[in-house]
Amino acid sequence: MAISDSVVANLTTIYLAVIAAIKAYGLAAGRSYSGGFVLLTSTAAVVLILIGTLAWDVSRKATYALSRDHVHEMCRGGICWHGVAFKSSASQVRFRLPQQPPNLRL
């Protein structure tokens, strides 16, 4: 999951946290900010956070696309092999369980 996906998923929480931070700063500084100022400032802050995380994700993907050492990852049956080549013998390991348990007599 990309960072911007997490930001979008928690957008309301981030927005409320920014509003609370502005209000707390106003209280600490002994100032009273109007509702319009708080709304505009918090919206601008959240937009800047979202643009920053989108830029971060795009730059990470571009860096990965331009780099020459891509780490291969192979997943089968919920087990992922990180950094193992697709035709490597380590990725071909199979575990087999007996079909029927042995009869245990006491």
Protein backbone atom coordinates (compact mmCIF):
# COMPACT_ATOMS: atom_id res chain seq x y z
CA MET A 1 0.00 0.00 0.00
CA ALA A 2 1.30 3.39 -0.98
CA ILE A 3 1.66 6.22 1.50
CA SER A 4 -0.90 8.34 -0.35
CA ASP A 5 -3.44 5.51 -0.02
CA SER A 6 -3.03 5.65 3.76
CA VAL A 7 -3.43 9.42 3.74
CA VAL A 8 -6.61 9.24 1.65
CA ALA A 9 -8.00 6.51 3.91
CA ASN A 10 -7.43 8.72 6.98
CA LEU A 11 -8.24 12.08 5.39
CA THR A 12 -10.96 12.99 7.90
CA THR A 13 -8.73 12.16 10.86
CA ILE A 14 -5.85 14.20 9.42
CA TYR A 15 -8.21 17.10 8.70
CA LEU A 16 -9.55 17.11 12.27
CA ALA A 17 -6.03 16.82 13.70
CA VAL A 18 -4.91 19.87 11.69
CA ILE A 19 -7.94 21.85 12.91
CA ALA A 20 -7.18 20.84 16.51
CA ALA A 21 -3.52 21.84 16.06
CA ILE A 22 -4.53 25.28 14.74
CA LYS A 23 -6.95 25.77 17.62
CA ALA A 24 -4.33 24.63 20.17
CA TYR A 25 -1.77 27.02 18.70
CA GLY A 26 -4.29 29.84 18.90
CA LEU A 27 -4.99 29.03 22.54
CA ALA A 28 -1.28 28.83 23.40
CA ALA A 29 -0.55 32.10 21.60
CA GLY A 30 -3.55 33.82 23.17
CA ARG A 31 -5.21 34.48 19.82
CA SER A 32 -8.65 33.63 18.54
CA TYR A 33 -8.85 32.61 14.89
CA SER A 34 -12.07 32.94 12.91
CA GLY A 35 -13.83 29.88 11.54
CA GLY A 36 -13.09 30.90 7.96
CA PHE A 37 -9.36 31.22 8.67
CA VAL A 38 -9.26 27.81 10.39
CA LEU A 39 -11.20 26.23 7.50
CA LEU A 40 -8.95 27.75 4.84
CA THR A 41 -5.70 27.02 6.66
CA SER A 42 -6.62 23.43 7.54
CA THR A 43 -7.80 22.72 3.98
CA ALA A 44 -4.55 24.13 2.58
CA ALA A 45 -2.50 22.05 5.03
CA VAL A 46 -4.35 18.83 4.15
CA VAL A 47 -4.00 19.54 0.41
CA LEU A 48 -0.25 20.10 0.87
CA ILE A 49 0.06 16.84 2.82
CA LEU A 50 -1.82 14.96 0.09
CA ILE A 51 0.25 16.49 -2.73
CA GLY A 52 3.44 15.73 -0.80
CA THR A 53 2.55 12.08 -0.32
CA LEU A 54 1.49 11.71 -3.96
CA ALA A 55 4.81 13.24 -5.08
CA TRP A 56 6.68 10.89 -2.72
CA ASP A 57 4.90 7.83 -4.14
CA VAL A 58 5.49 8.90 -7.75
CA SER A 59 9.18 9.57 -7.09
CA ARG A 60 9.58 6.16 -5.42
CA LYS A 61 7.95 4.41 -8.39
CA ALA A 62 10.07 6.40 -10.87
CA THR A 63 13.24 5.56 -8.94
CA TYR A 64 12.29 1.89 -8.94
CA ALA A 65 11.50 1.95 -12.67
CA LEU A 66 14.82 3.60 -13.51
CA SER A 67 16.98 1.48 -11.21
CA ARG A 68 18.66 -1.58 -12.63
CA ASP A 69 18.49 -3.96 -9.68
CA HIS A 70 14.90 -5.00 -9.35
CA VAL A 71 14.27 -7.48 -6.58
CA HIS A 72 12.31 -10.42 -7.87
CA GLU A 73 9.41 -11.60 -5.81
CA MET A 74 7.46 -14.75 -6.38
CA CYS A 75 4.31 -15.67 -4.49
CA ARG A 76 2.48 -18.97 -4.65
CA GLY A 77 -0.12 -20.21 -2.25
CA GLY A 78 0.39 -17.33 0.15
CA ILE A 79 4.15 -17.90 0.49
CA CYS A 80 6.34 -15.18 -1.02
CA TRP A 81 9.98 -15.61 -1.91
CA HIS A 82 11.67 -12.18 -1.70
CA GLY A 83 14.80 -11.74 -3.74
CA VAL A 84 14.68 -15.24 -5.21
CA ALA A 85 14.96 -15.64 -8.96
CA PHE A 86 11.92 -17.17 -10.62
CA LYS A 87 13.76 -20.27 -11.83
CA SER A 88 15.84 -20.72 -8.70
CA SER A 89 15.80 -24.11 -7.02
CA ALA A 90 14.79 -22.43 -3.75
CA SER A 91 11.56 -21.23 -5.35
CA GLN A 92 10.75 -24.77 -6.51
CA VAL A 93 10.69 -26.32 -3.03
CA ARG A 94 7.48 -28.21 -2.42
CA PHE A 95 6.21 -29.58 0.84
CA ARG A 96 3.88 -32.55 0.69
CA LEU A 97 1.75 -33.81 3.51
CA PRO A 98 0.48 -37.37 3.60
CA GLN A 99 -3.06 -37.69 2.26
CA GLN A 100 -4.29 -39.93 5.05
CA PRO A 101 -2.95 -39.90 8.58
CA PRO A 102 -1.50 -43.24 9.74
CA ASN A 103 -3.86 -45.45 11.70
CA LEU A 104 -3.04 -45.21 15.37
CA ARG A 105 -4.16 -48.15 17.48
CA LEU A 106 -3.82 -48.16 21.21
